Protein backbone atom coordinates (compact mmCIF):
# COMPACT_ATOMS: atom_id res chain seq x y z
CA MET A 1 167.93 97.91 166.36
CA THR A 2 165.22 99.61 168.03
CA GLY A 3 162.01 99.38 166.31
CA THR A 4 160.88 102.03 164.23
CA ALA A 5 157.85 100.93 163.24
CA THR A 6 154.15 101.31 165.74
CA ALA A 7 152.81 97.33 167.00
CA LEU A 8 148.85 97.38 167.86
CA ARG A 9 147.79 94.43 169.56
CA HIS A 10 144.67 93.72 169.21
CA ILE A 11 143.88 90.55 170.67
CA GLU A 12 146.38 88.74 173.11
CA ASN A 13 146.09 85.64 175.54
CA GLU A 14 146.72 82.09 176.50
CA ARG A 15 146.67 81.29 172.75
CA THR A 16 146.59 83.95 169.97
CA ILE A 17 148.46 87.16 169.78
CA ILE A 18 146.83 89.46 166.50
CA THR A 19 148.91 92.37 165.90
CA GLU A 20 149.07 95.49 163.26
CA TRP A 21 151.91 97.11 162.56
CA ARG A 22 152.13 100.09 160.46
CA PHE A 23 155.35 100.63 159.13
CA LYS A 24 156.77 104.18 157.52
CA PRO A 25 159.05 104.06 154.97
CA GLY A 26 162.23 102.82 156.46
CA ASP A 27 160.38 101.69 159.96
CA ASN A 28 161.36 97.98 161.36
CA THR A 29 160.34 95.68 163.88
CA GLY A 30 164.15 95.95 165.78
CA TRP A 31 165.40 92.42 166.56
CA HIS A 32 162.99 89.91 167.80
CA ARG A 33 162.65 85.72 167.80
CA HIS A 34 158.93 84.92 167.45
CA ALA A 35 158.19 83.00 170.11
CA HIS A 36 154.62 81.30 168.14
CA ASP A 37 153.33 80.60 164.70
CA TYR A 38 152.55 83.54 162.90
CA ALA A 39 150.85 84.59 160.13
CA VAL A 40 150.64 87.09 157.74
CA VAL A 41 148.05 88.97 156.07
CA PRO A 42 149.88 92.11 154.15
CA LEU A 43 147.50 95.10 154.42
CA VAL A 44 149.19 96.28 150.99
CA ASP A 45 151.93 95.23 148.21
CA GLY A 46 155.20 96.22 149.22
CA ARG A 47 158.47 94.60 149.61
CA LEU A 48 159.91 93.64 152.25
CA LYS A 49 163.83 93.48 153.28
CA LEU A 50 164.52 91.01 155.82
CA ILE A 51 168.19 90.24 157.90
CA ASP A 52 168.58 86.96 159.64
CA LYS A 53 171.84 85.25 161.33
CA THR A 54 172.79 84.35 157.46
CA GLY A 55 172.23 87.80 155.30
CA GLU A 56 169.93 90.00 153.93
CA SER A 57 167.43 89.06 151.91
CA PHE A 58 163.43 90.31 150.05
CA ALA A 59 159.97 89.43 150.19
CA GLU A 60 157.28 90.91 147.23
CA LEU A 61 154.42 90.73 150.01
CA ARG A 62 150.79 91.12 148.49
CA ARG A 63 147.57 92.54 149.29
CA GLY A 64 145.67 89.47 151.34
CA VAL A 65 147.98 87.67 150.46
CA THR A 66 149.01 85.62 153.47
CA TYR A 67 151.79 84.51 154.30
CA TYR A 68 152.71 81.28 156.98
CA ARG A 69 155.89 81.13 159.22
CA ALA A 70 156.27 78.77 162.13
CA ALA A 71 157.61 80.09 166.27
CA GLY A 72 161.27 80.51 166.08
CA VAL A 73 161.86 82.66 163.10
CA GLU A 74 163.93 85.39 164.13
CA HIS A 75 164.91 88.57 162.10
């Protein structure tokens, strides 16, 4: 799958990567594996569809409510 969402890289160095993702309805990031721990801060409320090796799930995102995942996540 090729990602259709827009990535805006704010910071990238040997310790930190900060990316702002912009999604239109139906956009996606494409299949990828996270090489670093990461935190997400949603800028809007929404429902996120996640697809991984085990299938599909959904996450309810709330504006300003941060969540964290460890490195190695693949989806």
